[in-house]
Structure formats: structure tokens, C-alpha cells
Amino acid sequence: MRALERTLFVIAAVALAWYAGVTIDAAREQAALSRELESSRVAPATVSDAGAHAAVPLAPHSMVGRIEIARLRLSTVAREGVDTRTLRASAGHVPGTALPGASGNAAFAAHRDTFFAALKDVRTGDDIRVTTPGGDFHYLVTATRIVDPGEVSVLEPTHDATLTLVTCYPFDYFGSAPQRFVVRARLVSGAP
């Protein structure tokens, strides 16, 4: 019994150390990305600038911008990509989707227990601010829905400037969640 107790204690200590390390690394990454965003800020994008920027794919892991929902105290800087490395330290911009502010569907994903945990309380009408090196964009939440993981239609291009946030669902589920929670928002100000 003593051996089992010690083994469980060691497992708990290792798990806590791993969790602390991942949390500290994510905080450092967010701080570095915030500094990078602030130093890269330029004049707000014009319609032609935003269109040109949207046509050029971003390099994997490059900084995209900051997503903020003030009412939920959600603030995270996003990188290009949705691979494990990216999502461990930030939200990820789904490659092949529009960039914030451009016509089309700008889609982002993050884990439900880290950067998008606050989405469980999102409501229609909430304000979302996306700050990029090319400008500031204000979106308004128009809908939320729950879909199966294979339902990729939520990532399809749109005619209007749209923002889609995706995370796993249910929020309190342990393990690989069976569904996805999707937030859809429309651009209300910013370029284009």
C-alpha cells in the first residue's frame, strides 16, 4: 500500500509540474506575441491593403493578431495554423480562411480549456475586437451553434467579412470532446 501511495504521489507531482510548465510557456508566448503585435502596428489598412494582405498566405506560426471579448475578459494573440504546437501556446488562424477585416470567413480555433474557455458564456450581440498589424476590426456576435467535428461548412468562405471562432464542446468534458462550439460574428467597423 505504501508503494502505491508513493507511486500516485510521484504521478501527481509530475502532472502538476507538466501543467505548470505548459501554463508558463503559454503565458510567455502570449507576452512575446503581444510585444510583436504592438511593434508591428502600422496605419489602419485600406480596402486595397486588406485585400492584398488577404491574398497572401501567412507563414506557419506567424503572428496574426489579438482577439478580445471584453465582457468575457477573453484576450489571446493568435498565430497562423491549428497544429498542436500552435494551439498549445495561442489561438490559431485556420489556414486557407480569410484574414481579419477582409471579405470572407476569418476562422480561428483554440482549446476549450485554455484560450477559448470563456466562450462558454458568449452571447449574441457580444463585441469582438481583433487587432492586427494592419488595423483594428470590430465584430458583433450574430450566432452560436454546436456541430459535429466533421461539419466543416462553418469554415466555408462567405461574401461578407465574417469571423468564426471554433472550440471543442462540451466545455466541461474530459478527454477528446465529441462536438465543436462555433461562434459566428459579422464585421461592423474597420477595413474593408
Foldseek 3Di string as FASTA:
>chain_A
DVVVVVVVVVVVVVVVVVVVVLVVQLVVLQVVLVVVFVVLADPAAAQVRLVVVQVDWDDFFAWQWWKDQPVLRQIWTEGADDDPVRQSRTKYWDTPFGGAQHAWETEIEHECVPRVVSVVPDDFQTWMWTRGSNGIWIKTWHDKDKAFPVPCPNRGIDRARKYKYKYADDSPDPDRGGIIMIIIIGTDDGHD
